[in-house]
Amino acid sequence: MTTADIHLIVLLIVFLSTFGGAVAGLLIRAVLPPHHFNDEAKSAVNVAAATVSVLTALVISSLITSARGAFETTTAEVGQLSADLVLLDRVMAHYGPQADPPRDLLLRYTVLKIKLTWPEERGAKPVLDDPTALELLETLQDELRALEPESEAQRWLQSRALQVSGDLAQTRWKLVVQNASAIPRPFLIVVVAWLAFLFASFGLFAPRNPTVITVLLLAALSVSAAIVLILELDNPFDGFIVVPSDPMQNALAHLHAG
């Protein structure tokens, strides 16, 4: 089961919970005696619903901020990784023909990294911590250290190449470590429970007519989509919304250019 499939299931669960709560409220209204719906009762329910509504808004806002921050951080790191790839290639190109073997390794690493992180096969899981790609990167660093500079310029270029390759490895590990979910699942469960309660309170005092039911249906769909959007941002390499591969593709186009 792919992440996209899981998110569709979550969408369905949240929708059934929220709209089901609204329908439950409408049904409860039909069976309770009229005095349960006087002004005092309505005021008490509204106060309780307002309290839960504020809490829900605060938690959802926190989740959106956390997920968006993680997504933007990952996007920036992919951009940094791409820039380091091109920079490292250009530094090795200036070193001379002796650096051609590590340049070839860098090209192979970039091709493999794109293939693993943004797989073309539908349903394939992205792989950020692949041992083969890591071996290529570490072998590249070993070959850079094994270079024997013949001039001060080459010595500086070797040092610079080692520094950039170290930055490349650091960014690579950041992407691996930070790929874990930034959203605690208990938060989502509690938020869905609160939303179900809110929609039940909406239905409790709403008249049973097509307009009200349609509005509640659309509201439930909107809330469900918002929850799925949070989950999408929390999975930057998998799902419907992913970090674009354009920076890496552009970097690949520049490798060995000139």
C-alpha atoms as a PDB file:
ATOM      1  CA  MET A   1       0.000   0.000   0.000  1.00  0.00           C
ATOM      2  CA  THR A   2       1.441   3.342  -1.077  1.00  0.00           C
ATOM      3  CA  THR A   3       1.515   6.519   0.991  1.00  0.00           C
ATOM      4  CA  ALA A   4      -1.045   8.042  -1.385  1.00  0.00           C
ATOM      5  CA  ASP A   5      -3.393   5.130  -0.677  1.00  0.00           C
ATOM      6  CA  ILE A   6      -2.898   5.559   3.064  1.00  0.00           C
ATOM      7  CA  HIS A   7      -3.714   9.256   2.806  1.00  0.00           C
ATOM      8  CA  LEU A   8      -6.891   8.472   0.867  1.00  0.00           C
ATOM      9  CA  ILE A   9      -7.901   6.100   3.660  1.00  0.00           C
ATOM     10  CA  VAL A  10      -7.191   8.828   6.224  1.00  0.00           C
ATOM     11  CA  LEU A  11      -9.326  11.218   4.160  1.00  0.00           C
ATOM     12  CA  LEU A  12     -12.192   8.726   4.270  1.00  0.00           C
ATOM     13  CA  ILE A  13     -11.814   8.120   8.015  1.00  0.00           C
ATOM     14  CA  VAL A  14     -11.778  11.832   8.845  1.00  0.00           C
ATOM     15  CA  PHE A  15     -14.748  12.486   6.564  1.00  0.00           C
ATOM     16  CA  LEU A  16     -16.783   9.656   8.082  1.00  0.00           C
ATOM     17  CA  SER A  17     -15.889  10.841  11.594  1.00  0.00           C
ATOM     18  CA  THR A  18     -16.845  14.474  10.971  1.00  0.00           C
ATOM     19  CA  PHE A  19     -19.869  14.051   8.739  1.00  0.00           C
ATOM     20  CA  GLY A  20     -20.938  11.034  10.787  1.00  0.00           C
ATOM     21  CA  GLY A  21     -20.834  13.253  13.880  1.00  0.00           C
ATOM     22  CA  ALA A  22     -23.031  15.808  12.139  1.00  0.00           C
ATOM     23  CA  VAL A  23     -25.530  13.137  11.081  1.00  0.00           C
ATOM     24  CA  ALA A  24     -25.516  11.742  14.619  1.00  0.00           C
ATOM     25  CA  GLY A  25     -26.335  15.215  15.930  1.00  0.00           C
ATOM     26  CA  LEU A  26     -29.241  15.537  13.500  1.00  0.00           C
ATOM     27  CA  LEU A  27     -30.595  12.115  14.515  1.00  0.00           C
ATOM     28  CA  ILE A  28     -30.222  12.839  18.231  1.00  0.00           C
ATOM     29  CA  ARG A  29     -32.166  16.071  17.784  1.00  0.00           C
ATOM     30  CA  ALA A  30     -35.056  14.093  16.320  1.00  0.00           C
ATOM     31  CA  VAL A  31     -35.424  11.829  19.369  1.00  0.00           C
ATOM     32  CA  LEU A  32     -34.753  14.203  22.260  1.00  0.00           C
ATOM     33  CA  PRO A  33     -37.638  16.104  23.886  1.00  0.00           C
ATOM     34  CA  PRO A  34     -38.035  19.795  22.957  1.00  0.00           C
ATOM     35  CA  HIS A  35     -36.968  21.164  26.339  1.00  0.00           C
ATOM     36  CA  HIS A  36     -33.438  19.870  25.634  1.00  0.00           C
ATOM     37  CA  PHE A  37     -33.140  22.555  22.966  1.00  0.00           C
ATOM     38  CA  ASN A  38     -34.120  25.679  24.891  1.00  0.00           C
ATOM     39  CA  ASP A  39     -31.910  28.774  24.965  1.00  0.00           C
ATOM     40  CA  GLU A  40     -30.015  27.692  28.078  1.00  0.00           C
ATOM     41  CA  ALA A  41     -29.129  24.312  26.585  1.00  0.00           C
ATOM     42  CA  LYS A  42     -28.137  25.870  23.302  1.00  0.00           C
ATOM     43  CA  SER A  43     -25.918  28.405  25.075  1.00  0.00           C
ATOM     44  CA  ALA A  44     -24.163  25.684  27.102  1.00  0.00           C
ATOM     45  CA  VAL A  45     -23.495  23.567  24.005  1.00  0.00           C
ATOM     46  CA  ASN A  46     -22.226  26.592  22.086  1.00  0.00           C
ATOM     47  CA  VAL A  47     -19.773  27.451  24.877  1.00  0.00           C
ATOM     48  CA  ALA A  48     -18.466  23.887  24.963  1.00  0.00           C
ATOM     49  CA  ALA A  49     -18.205  23.762  21.161  1.00  0.00           C
ATOM     50  CA  ALA A  50     -16.417  27.122  21.087  1.00  0.00           C
ATOM     51  CA  THR A  51     -13.856  25.890  23.616  1.00  0.00           C
ATOM     52  CA  VAL A  52     -13.139  22.738  21.627  1.00  0.00           C
ATOM     53  CA  SER A  53     -13.118  24.773  18.406  1.00  0.00           C
ATOM     54  CA  VAL A  54     -10.379  27.070  19.731  1.00  0.00           C
ATOM     55  CA  LEU A  55      -8.300  24.118  20.928  1.00  0.00           C
ATOM     56  CA  THR A  56      -8.737  22.385  17.572  1.00  0.00           C
ATOM     57  CA  ALA A  57      -7.733  25.502  15.661  1.00  0.00           C
ATOM     58  CA  LEU A  58      -4.598  25.909  17.779  1.00  0.00           C
ATOM     59  CA  VAL A  59      -3.532  22.292  17.327  1.00  0.00           C
ATOM     60  CA  ILE A  60      -4.229  22.275  13.565  1.00  0.00           C
ATOM     61  CA  SER A  61      -2.315  25.545  13.214  1.00  0.00           C
ATOM     62  CA  SER A  62       0.616  23.983  15.075  1.00  0.00           C
ATOM     63  CA  LEU A  63       0.496  20.875  12.871  1.00  0.00           C
ATOM     64  CA  ILE A  64       0.395  22.940   9.683  1.00  0.00           C
ATOM     65  CA  THR A  65       3.328  25.074  10.835  1.00  0.00           C
ATOM     66  CA  SER A  66       5.364  21.996  11.758  1.00  0.00           C
ATOM     67  CA  ALA A  67       4.602  20.146   8.518  1.00  0.00           C
ATOM     68  CA  ARG A  68       5.171  23.188   6.328  1.00  0.00           C
ATOM     69  CA  GLY A  69       8.439  23.976   8.085  1.00  0.00           C
ATOM     70  CA  ALA A  70       9.684  20.412   7.574  1.00  0.00           C
ATOM     71  CA  PHE A  71       8.679  20.479   3.896  1.00  0.00           C
ATOM     72  CA  GLU A  72      10.382  23.811   3.238  1.00  0.00           C
ATOM     73  CA  THR A  73      13.519  22.688   5.075  1.00  0.00           C
ATOM     74  CA  THR A  74      13.704  19.531   2.989  1.00  0.00           C
ATOM     75  CA  THR A  75      13.162  21.511  -0.215  1.00  0.00           C
ATOM     76  CA  ALA A  76      16.004  23.862   0.719  1.00  0.00           C
ATOM     77  CA  GLU A  77      18.299  20.937   1.516  1.00  0.00           C
ATOM     78  CA  VAL A  78      17.593  19.326  -1.868  1.00  0.00           C
ATOM     79  CA  GLY A  79      18.512  22.644  -3.465  1.00  0.00           C
ATOM     80  CA  GLN A  80      21.718  22.762  -1.426  1.00  0.00           C
ATOM     81  CA  LEU A  81      22.551  19.182  -2.369  1.00  0.00           C
ATOM     82  CA  SER A  82      22.078  20.037  -6.054  1.00  0.00           C
ATOM     83  CA  ALA A  83      24.284  23.120  -5.821  1.00  0.00           C
ATOM     84  CA  ASP A  84      27.034  21.147  -4.065  1.00  0.00           C
ATOM     85  CA  LEU A  85      26.945  18.505  -6.793  1.00  0.00           C
ATOM     86  CA  VAL A  86      27.563  21.083  -9.521  1.00  0.00           C
ATOM     87  CA  LEU A  87      30.174  22.941  -7.466  1.00  0.00           C
ATOM     88  CA  LEU A  88      32.084  19.752  -6.699  1.00  0.00           C
ATOM     89  CA  ASP A  89      32.078  18.760 -10.344  1.00  0.00           C
ATOM     90  CA  ARG A  90      33.416  22.153 -11.430  1.00  0.00           C
ATOM     91  CA  VAL A  91      36.157  22.102  -8.793  1.00  0.00           C
ATOM     92  CA  MET A  92      37.296  18.659  -9.958  1.00  0.00           C
ATOM     93  CA  ALA A  93      37.129  19.785 -13.594  1.00  0.00           C
ATOM     94  CA  HIS A  94      39.558  22.616 -12.797  1.00  0.00           C
ATOM     95  CA  TYR A  95      41.852  20.165 -11.016  1.00  0.00           C
ATOM     96  CA  GLY A  96      42.570  18.385 -14.281  1.00  0.00           C
ATOM     97  CA  PRO A  97      42.308  14.946 -15.916  1.00  0.00           C
ATOM     98  CA  GLN A  98      43.531  13.262 -12.717  1.00  0.00           C
ATOM     99  CA  ALA A  99      40.132  14.053 -11.172  1.00  0.00           C
ATOM    100  CA  ASP A 100      38.130  12.367 -13.949  1.00  0.00           C
ATOM    101  CA  PRO A 101      37.577   9.098 -11.996  1.00  0.00           C
ATOM    102  CA  PRO A 102      35.938  10.850  -9.018  1.00  0.00           C
ATOM    103  CA  ARG A 103      33.944  12.994 -11.468  1.00  0.00           C
ATOM    104  CA  ASP A 104      32.577   9.802 -13.012  1.00  0.00           C
ATOM    105  CA  LEU A 105      31.656   8.562  -9.548  1.00  0.00           C
ATOM    106  CA  LEU A 106      29.862  11.837  -8.855  1.00  0.00           C
ATOM    107  CA  LEU A 107      27.844  11.445 -12.048  1.00  0.00           C
ATOM    108  CA  ARG A 108      26.893   7.868 -11.148  1.00  0.00           C
ATOM    109  CA  TYR A 109      25.960   8.975  -7.624  1.00  0.00           C
ATOM    110  CA  THR A 110      23.693  11.758  -8.921  1.00  0.00           C
ATOM    111  CA  VAL A 111      21.905   9.468 -11.385  1.00  0.00           C
ATOM    112  CA  LEU A 112      21.353   6.829  -8.699  1.00  0.00           C
ATOM    113  CA  LYS A 113      20.251   9.408  -6.110  1.00  0.00           C
ATOM    114  CA  ILE A 114      17.583  10.782  -8.455  1.00  0.00           C
ATOM    115  CA  LYS A 115      16.391   7.296  -9.344  1.00  0.00           C
ATOM    116  CA  LEU A 116      16.093   6.237  -5.701  1.00  0.00           C
ATOM    117  CA  THR A 117      14.591   9.436  -4.305  1.00  0.00           C
ATOM    118  CA  TRP A 118      12.074  10.016  -7.110  1.00  0.00           C
ATOM    119  CA  PRO A 119      11.300   6.513  -8.449  1.00  0.00           C
ATOM    120  CA  GLU A 120       9.450   6.394 -11.747  1.00  0.00           C
ATOM    121  CA  GLU A 121       7.605   3.170 -10.927  1.00  0.00           C
ATOM    122  CA  ARG A 122       4.139   3.818  -9.548  1.00  0.00           C
ATOM    123  CA  GLY A 123       3.868   2.770  -5.939  1.00  0.00           C
ATOM    124  CA  ALA A 124       7.644   2.492  -5.462  1.00  0.00           C
ATOM    125  CA  LYS A 125       8.897   3.836  -2.156  1.00  0.00           C
ATOM    126  CA  PRO A 126      11.593   6.532  -2.188  1.00  0.00           C
ATOM    127  CA  VAL A 127      14.904   5.386  -0.706  1.00  0.00           C
ATOM    128  CA  LEU A 128      17.087   8.016   0.964  1.00  0.00           C
ATOM    129  CA  ASP A 129      19.493   5.758   2.834  1.00  0.00           C
ATOM    130  CA  ASP A 130      20.720   3.418   0.102  1.00  0.00           C
ATOM    131  CA  PRO A 131      24.048   1.668   0.863  1.00  0.00           C
ATOM    132  CA  THR A 132      25.100   1.608  -2.805  1.00  0.00           C
ATOM    133  CA  ALA A 133      24.715   5.373  -3.170  1.00  0.00           C
ATOM    134  CA  LEU A 134      26.546   5.908   0.118  1.00  0.00           C
ATOM    135  CA  GLU A 135      29.391   3.677  -1.042  1.00  0.00           C
ATOM    136  CA  LEU A 136      29.716   5.702  -4.244  1.00  0.00           C
ATOM    137  CA  LEU A 137      29.944   8.941  -2.281  1.00  0.00           C
ATOM    138  CA  GLU A 138      32.491   7.578   0.179  1.00  0.00           C
ATOM    139  CA  THR A 139      34.576   6.067  -2.627  1.00  0.00           C
ATOM    140  CA  LEU A 140      34.556   9.470  -4.324  1.00  0.00           C
ATOM    141  CA  GLN A 141      35.927  11.047  -1.143  1.00  0.00           C
ATOM    142  CA  ASP A 142      38.598   8.335  -0.895  1.00  0.00           C
ATOM    143  CA  GLU A 143      39.724   9.039  -4.455  1.00  0.00           C
ATOM    144  CA  LEU A 144      39.851  12.762  -3.780  1.00  0.00           C
ATOM    145  CA  ARG A 145      42.104  12.140  -0.769  1.00  0.00           C
ATOM    146  CA  ALA A 146      44.307   9.877  -2.909  1.00  0.00           C
ATOM    147  CA  LEU A 147      45.012  12.615  -5.467  1.00  0.00           C
ATOM    148  CA  GLU A 148      48.602  13.848  -5.558  1.00  0.00           C
ATOM    149  CA  PRO A 149      48.619  17.605  -6.284  1.00  0.00           C
ATOM    150  CA  GLU A 150      51.452  18.823  -8.483  1.00  0.00           C
ATOM    151  CA  SER A 151      51.006  22.518  -7.778  1.00  0.00           C
ATOM    152  CA  GLU A 152      49.707  24.902  -5.178  1.00  0.00           C
ATOM    153  CA  ALA A 153      46.568  25.455  -7.260  1.00  0.00           C
ATOM    154  CA  GLN A 154      45.818  21.734  -7.393  1.00  0.00           C
ATOM    155  CA  ARG A 155      46.464  21.457  -3.661  1.00  0.00           C
ATOM    156  CA  TRP A 156      43.875  24.170  -3.022  1.00  0.00           C
ATOM    157  CA  LEU A 157      41.391  22.556  -5.435  1.00  0.00           C
ATOM    158  CA  GLN A 158      41.819  19.192  -3.711  1.00  0.00           C
ATOM    159  CA  SER A 159      41.169  20.796  -0.353  1.00  0.00           C
ATOM    160  CA  ARG A 160      38.125  22.601  -1.726  1.00  0.00           C
ATOM    161  CA  ALA A 161      36.782  19.413  -3.319  1.00  0.00           C
ATOM    162  CA  LEU A 162      37.104  17.536  -0.042  1.00  0.00           C
ATOM    163  CA  GLN A 163      35.278  20.330   1.773  1.00  0.00           C
ATOM    164  CA  VAL A 164      32.406  20.363  -0.727  1.00  0.00           C
ATOM    165  CA  SER A 165      32.163  16.564  -0.728  1.00  0.00           C
ATOM    166  CA  GLY A 166      31.942  16.712   3.062  1.00  0.00           C
ATOM    167  CA  ASP A 167      29.117  19.242   2.793  1.00  0.00           C
ATOM    168  CA  LEU A 168      27.458  16.931   0.281  1.00  0.00           C
ATOM    169  CA  ALA A 169      27.659  13.998   2.673  1.00  0.00           C
ATOM    170  CA  GLN A 170      26.343  16.134   5.545  1.00  0.00           C
ATOM    171  CA  THR A 171      23.304  17.266   3.554  1.00  0.00           C
ATOM    172  CA  ARG A 172      22.698  13.690   2.465  1.00  0.00           C
ATOM    173  CA  TRP A 173      22.586  12.524   6.077  1.00  0.00           C
ATOM    174  CA  LYS A 174      20.338  15.432   7.029  1.00  0.00           C
ATOM    175  CA  LEU A 175      17.790  14.297   4.461  1.00  0.00           C
ATOM    176  CA  VAL A 176      17.956  10.766   5.855  1.00  0.00           C
ATOM    177  CA  VAL A 177      17.628  11.748   9.520  1.00  0.00           C
ATOM    178  CA  GLN A 178      14.968  14.423   8.993  1.00  0.00           C
ATOM    179  CA  ASN A 179      12.758  12.178   6.867  1.00  0.00           C
ATOM    180  CA  ALA A 180      10.964  10.955   9.995  1.00  0.00           C
ATOM    181  CA  SER A 181       7.470  12.286  10.608  1.00  0.00           C
ATOM    182  CA  ALA A 182       7.306  15.621  12.419  1.00  0.00           C
ATOM    183  CA  ILE A 183       3.657  15.135  13.400  1.00  0.00           C
ATOM    184  CA  PRO A 184       2.790  12.966  16.423  1.00  0.00           C
ATOM    185  CA  ARG A 185       0.002  10.574  15.443  1.00  0.00           C
ATOM    186  CA  PRO A 186      -1.800  10.979  18.824  1.00  0.00           C
ATOM    187  CA  PHE A 187      -2.262  14.664  17.918  1.00  0.00           C
ATOM    188  CA  LEU A 188      -4.112  13.700  14.756  1.00  0.00           C
ATOM    189  CA  ILE A 189      -6.315  11.186  16.585  1.00  0.00           C
ATOM    190  CA  VAL A 190      -7.273  13.751  19.213  1.00  0.00           C
ATOM    191  CA  VAL A 191      -7.945  16.407  16.563  1.00  0.00           C
ATOM    192  CA  VAL A 192     -10.246  14.051  14.634  1.00  0.00           C
ATOM    193  CA  ALA A 193     -12.121  13.244  17.848  1.00  0.00           C
ATOM    194  CA  TRP A 194     -12.559  16.956  18.569  1.00  0.00           C
ATOM    195  CA  LEU A 195     -13.781  17.576  15.021  1.00  0.00           C
ATOM    196  CA  ALA A 196     -16.318  14.776  15.347  1.00  0.00           C
ATOM    197  CA  PHE A 197     -17.625  16.383  18.548  1.00  0.00           C
ATOM    198  CA  LEU A 198     -17.823  19.810  16.890  1.00  0.00           C
ATOM    199  CA  PHE A 199     -19.772  18.499  13.923  1.00  0.00           C
ATOM    200  CA  ALA A 200     -22.097  16.617  16.256  1.00  0.00           C
ATOM    201  CA  SER A 201     -22.808  19.892  18.095  1.00  0.00           C
ATOM    202  CA  PHE A 202     -23.457  21.591  14.730  1.00  0.00           C
ATOM    203  CA  GLY A 203     -25.981  18.941  13.773  1.00  0.00           C
ATOM    204  CA  LEU A 204     -27.617  18.951  17.178  1.00  0.00           C
ATOM    205  CA  PHE A 205     -29.123  22.406  16.704  1.00  0.00           C
ATOM    206  CA  ALA A 206     -29.343  22.471  12.907  1.00  0.00           C
ATOM    207  CA  PRO A 207     -32.633  21.978  11.048  1.00  0.00           C
ATOM    208  CA  ARG A 208     -32.890  18.815   8.973  1.00  0.00           C
ATOM    209  CA  ASN A 209     -33.029  20.148   5.429  1.00  0.00           C
ATOM    210  CA  PRO A 210     -30.963  19.604   2.244  1.00  0.00           C
ATOM    211  CA  THR A 211     -29.168  22.945   2.508  1.00  0.00           C
ATOM    212  CA  VAL A 212     -27.862  22.282   6.014  1.00  0.00           C
ATOM    213  CA  ILE A 213     -26.862  18.726   5.160  1.00  0.00           C
ATOM    214  CA  THR A 214     -25.026  19.889   2.021  1.00  0.00           C
ATOM    215  CA  VAL A 215     -23.144  22.578   3.948  1.00  0.00           C
ATOM    216  CA  LEU A 216     -22.138  20.082   6.637  1.00  0.00           C
ATOM    217  CA  LEU A 217     -21.036  17.636   3.933  1.00  0.00           C
ATOM    218  CA  LEU A 218     -18.845  20.226   2.230  1.00  0.00           C
ATOM    219  CA  ALA A 219     -17.406  21.362   5.555  1.00  0.00           C
ATOM    220  CA  ALA A 220     -16.520  17.767   6.453  1.00  0.00           C
ATOM    221  CA  LEU A 221     -14.812  17.318   3.085  1.00  0.00           C
ATOM    222  CA  SER A 222     -12.867  20.546   3.559  1.00  0.00           C
ATOM    223  CA  VAL A 223     -11.657  19.557   7.014  1.00  0.00           C
ATOM    224  CA  SER A 224     -10.704  16.080   5.780  1.00  0.00           C
ATOM    225  CA  ALA A 225      -8.718  17.582   2.908  1.00  0.00           C
ATOM    226  CA  ALA A 226      -6.915  19.884   5.340  1.00  0.00           C
ATOM    227  CA  ILE A 227      -5.827  16.928   7.504  1.00  0.00           C
ATOM    228  CA  VAL A 228      -4.575  15.036   4.433  1.00  0.00           C
ATOM    229  CA  LEU A 229      -2.723  18.145   3.264  1.00  0.00           C
ATOM    230  CA  ILE A 230      -0.880  18.215   6.589  1.00  0.00           C
ATOM    231  CA  LEU A 231       0.088  14.565   6.138  1.00  0.00           C
ATOM    232  CA  GLU A 232       1.234  15.250   2.579  1.00  0.00           C
ATOM    233  CA  LEU A 233       3.546  18.039   3.717  1.00  0.00           C
ATOM    234  CA  ASP A 234       4.868  15.729   6.427  1.00  0.00           C
ATOM    235  CA  ASN A 235       5.956  13.199   3.759  1.00  0.00           C
ATOM    236  CA  PRO A 236       8.078  15.351   1.429  1.00  0.00           C
ATOM    237  CA  PHE A 237       9.234  12.502  -0.843  1.00  0.00           C
ATOM    238  CA  ASP A 238       6.121  10.343  -0.954  1.00  0.00           C
ATOM    239  CA  GLY A 239       2.453  10.986  -1.731  1.00  0.00           C
ATOM    240  CA  PHE A 240       0.635  13.479  -3.928  1.00  0.00           C
ATOM    241  CA  ILE A 241       2.772  16.475  -2.888  1.00  0.00           C
ATOM    242  CA  VAL A 242       6.528  15.853  -3.080  1.00  0.00           C
ATOM    243  CA  VAL A 243       9.680  17.924  -3.130  1.00  0.00           C
ATOM    244  CA  PRO A 244      10.375  18.535  -6.826  1.00  0.00           C
ATOM    245  CA  SER A 245      13.328  16.802  -8.446  1.00  0.00           C
ATOM    246  CA  ASP A 246      13.997  19.771 -10.771  1.00  0.00           C
ATOM    247  CA  PRO A 247      17.090  21.027  -8.866  1.00  0.00           C
ATOM    248  CA  MET A 248      18.672  17.563  -9.022  1.00  0.00           C
ATOM    249  CA  GLN A 249      17.786  17.164 -12.694  1.00  0.00           C
ATOM    250  CA  ASN A 250      19.329  20.555 -13.427  1.00  0.00           C
ATOM    251  CA  ALA A 251      22.451  19.572 -11.497  1.00  0.00           C
ATOM    252  CA  LEU A 252      22.685  16.347 -13.500  1.00  0.00           C
ATOM    253  CA  ALA A 253      22.502  18.330 -16.740  1.00  0.00           C
ATOM    254  CA  HIS A 254      25.494  20.428 -15.621  1.00  0.00           C
ATOM    255  CA  LEU A 255      27.727  17.525 -14.579  1.00  0.00           C
ATOM    256  CA  HIS A 256      30.656  16.932 -16.920  1.00  0.00           C
ATOM    257  CA  ALA A 257      29.584  20.014 -18.882  1.00  0.00           C
ATOM    258  CA  GLY A 258      32.758  21.548 -20.181  1.00  0.00           C
END
